[in-house]
Amino acid sequence: MFQFTQANPTLLDDSIARLSTAAQEPAKKFLDLMMSNEADLEKVYLGCVTIMDNLPDEVIEDLEAYKQEVAKIFGLLMPSSA
């Protein structure tokens, strides 16, 4: 997924733009972290914790929903059976 994101850096721009204004900046930071060449998973985890630290509950809720949208974009979620 990291290589795919690096090869298509604007792939998530539209979905980030649909987030609340307050959630856009942390979402961009997550994208930057995903696009980095960091191989140390502990550093990636700590980067995620740092981004999430002290965010309001509403922003965290937006980012949780966004995480699901990103998973759909990358085909990581199975389609729901309705």
C-alpha atoms as a PDB file:
ATOM      1  CA  MET A   1       0.000   0.000   0.000  1.00  0.00           C
ATOM      2  CA  PHE A   2       2.850   2.380   0.791  1.00  0.00           C
ATOM      3  CA  GLN A   3       4.383   2.021  -2.674  1.00  0.00           C
ATOM      4  CA  PHE A   4       0.948   2.465  -4.272  1.00  0.00           C
ATOM      5  CA  THR A   5       0.385   5.655  -2.300  1.00  0.00           C
ATOM      6  CA  GLN A   6       3.828   6.945  -3.227  1.00  0.00           C
ATOM      7  CA  ALA A   7       3.146   6.242  -6.899  1.00  0.00           C
ATOM      8  CA  ASN A   8      -0.255   7.996  -6.684  1.00  0.00           C
ATOM      9  CA  PRO A   9       0.270  10.853  -4.210  1.00  0.00           C
ATOM     10  CA  THR A  10      -2.944  12.678  -5.142  1.00  0.00           C
ATOM     11  CA  LEU A  11      -5.158   9.588  -4.812  1.00  0.00           C
ATOM     12  CA  LEU A  12      -6.521  10.647  -1.421  1.00  0.00           C
ATOM     13  CA  ASP A  13      -6.771  14.403  -2.030  1.00  0.00           C
ATOM     14  CA  ASP A  14     -10.516  14.341  -2.806  1.00  0.00           C
ATOM     15  CA  SER A  15     -11.344  12.288   0.262  1.00  0.00           C
ATOM     16  CA  ILE A  16      -9.228  14.543   2.493  1.00  0.00           C
ATOM     17  CA  ALA A  17     -11.003  17.603   1.068  1.00  0.00           C
ATOM     18  CA  ARG A  18     -14.359  16.149   2.173  1.00  0.00           C
ATOM     19  CA  LEU A  19     -13.245  15.924   5.807  1.00  0.00           C
ATOM     20  CA  SER A  20     -14.073  18.598   8.332  1.00  0.00           C
ATOM     21  CA  THR A  21     -11.604  21.465   8.289  1.00  0.00           C
ATOM     22  CA  ALA A  22     -10.232  20.370  11.660  1.00  0.00           C
ATOM     23  CA  ALA A  23      -9.640  16.787  10.455  1.00  0.00           C
ATOM     24  CA  GLN A  24      -7.895  17.719   7.194  1.00  0.00           C
ATOM     25  CA  GLU A  25      -4.545  18.649   8.744  1.00  0.00           C
ATOM     26  CA  PRO A  26      -4.128  15.430  10.762  1.00  0.00           C
ATOM     27  CA  ALA A  27      -5.271  13.415   7.727  1.00  0.00           C
ATOM     28  CA  LYS A  28      -2.560  15.097   5.639  1.00  0.00           C
ATOM     29  CA  LYS A  29      -0.019  14.259   8.339  1.00  0.00           C
ATOM     30  CA  PHE A  30      -1.099  10.605   8.223  1.00  0.00           C
ATOM     31  CA  LEU A  31      -0.734  10.661   4.440  1.00  0.00           C
ATOM     32  CA  ASP A  32       2.750  12.158   4.751  1.00  0.00           C
ATOM     33  CA  LEU A  33       3.638   9.411   7.219  1.00  0.00           C
ATOM     34  CA  MET A  34       2.303   6.742   4.829  1.00  0.00           C
ATOM     35  CA  MET A  35       4.312   8.222   1.975  1.00  0.00           C
ATOM     36  CA  SER A  36       7.521   8.378   3.977  1.00  0.00           C
ATOM     37  CA  ASN A  37      10.209   5.766   3.511  1.00  0.00           C
ATOM     38  CA  GLU A  38      10.204   4.966   7.226  1.00  0.00           C
ATOM     39  CA  ALA A  39      10.634   1.216   7.677  1.00  0.00           C
ATOM     40  CA  ASP A  40      10.751   1.204  11.481  1.00  0.00           C
ATOM     41  CA  LEU A  41       7.199   0.314  12.504  1.00  0.00           C
ATOM     42  CA  GLU A  42       7.761   1.626  16.019  1.00  0.00           C
ATOM     43  CA  LYS A  43       8.589   5.057  14.584  1.00  0.00           C
ATOM     44  CA  VAL A  44       5.495   4.909  12.356  1.00  0.00           C
ATOM     45  CA  TYR A  45       3.368   3.957  15.364  1.00  0.00           C
ATOM     46  CA  LEU A  46       4.836   6.777  17.448  1.00  0.00           C
ATOM     47  CA  GLY A  47       4.187   9.173  14.557  1.00  0.00           C
ATOM     48  CA  CYS A  48       0.528   8.093  14.516  1.00  0.00           C
ATOM     49  CA  VAL A  49       0.240   8.527  18.282  1.00  0.00           C
ATOM     50  CA  THR A  50       1.783  11.984  18.021  1.00  0.00           C
ATOM     51  CA  ILE A  51      -0.693  13.012  15.312  1.00  0.00           C
ATOM     52  CA  MET A  52      -3.677  11.757  17.358  1.00  0.00           C
ATOM     53  CA  ASP A  53      -2.465  13.266  20.641  1.00  0.00           C
ATOM     54  CA  ASN A  54      -4.852  15.896  22.030  1.00  0.00           C
ATOM     55  CA  LEU A  55      -7.243  15.907  19.067  1.00  0.00           C
ATOM     56  CA  PRO A  56     -10.870  16.699  19.935  1.00  0.00           C
ATOM     57  CA  ASP A  57     -13.282  13.740  19.974  1.00  0.00           C
ATOM     58  CA  GLU A  58     -15.095  15.071  16.887  1.00  0.00           C
ATOM     59  CA  VAL A  59     -11.878  15.067  14.872  1.00  0.00           C
ATOM     60  CA  ILE A  60     -11.031  11.551  16.024  1.00  0.00           C
ATOM     61  CA  GLU A  61     -14.509  10.429  14.922  1.00  0.00           C
ATOM     62  CA  ASP A  62     -13.965  12.047  11.499  1.00  0.00           C
ATOM     63  CA  LEU A  63     -10.585  10.329  11.174  1.00  0.00           C
ATOM     64  CA  GLU A  64     -12.026   6.940  12.187  1.00  0.00           C
ATOM     65  CA  ALA A  65     -14.666   7.262   9.460  1.00  0.00           C
ATOM     66  CA  TYR A  66     -11.964   8.418   7.048  1.00  0.00           C
ATOM     67  CA  LYS A  67      -9.901   5.336   7.885  1.00  0.00           C
ATOM     68  CA  GLN A  68     -12.818   3.213   6.642  1.00  0.00           C
ATOM     69  CA  GLU A  69     -13.050   5.265   3.451  1.00  0.00           C
ATOM     70  CA  VAL A  70      -9.320   4.852   2.800  1.00  0.00           C
ATOM     71  CA  ALA A  71      -9.636   1.100   3.350  1.00  0.00           C
ATOM     72  CA  LYS A  72     -12.391   1.039   0.696  1.00  0.00           C
ATOM     73  CA  ILE A  73     -10.254   3.077  -1.724  1.00  0.00           C
ATOM     74  CA  PHE A  74      -7.433   0.555  -1.352  1.00  0.00           C
ATOM     75  CA  GLY A  75      -9.814  -2.418  -1.603  1.00  0.00           C
ATOM     76  CA  LEU A  76      -9.090  -3.583   1.939  1.00  0.00           C
ATOM     77  CA  LEU A  77     -12.746  -3.963   2.939  1.00  0.00           C
ATOM     78  CA  MET A  78     -15.068  -6.620   1.648  1.00  0.00           C
ATOM     79  CA  PRO A  79     -18.281  -5.264   0.101  1.00  0.00           C
ATOM     80  CA  SER A  80     -21.192  -5.477   2.523  1.00  0.00           C
ATOM     81  CA  SER A  81     -23.907  -7.950   1.675  1.00  0.00           C
ATOM     82  CA  ALA A  82     -27.245  -6.197   1.786  1.00  0.00           C
END
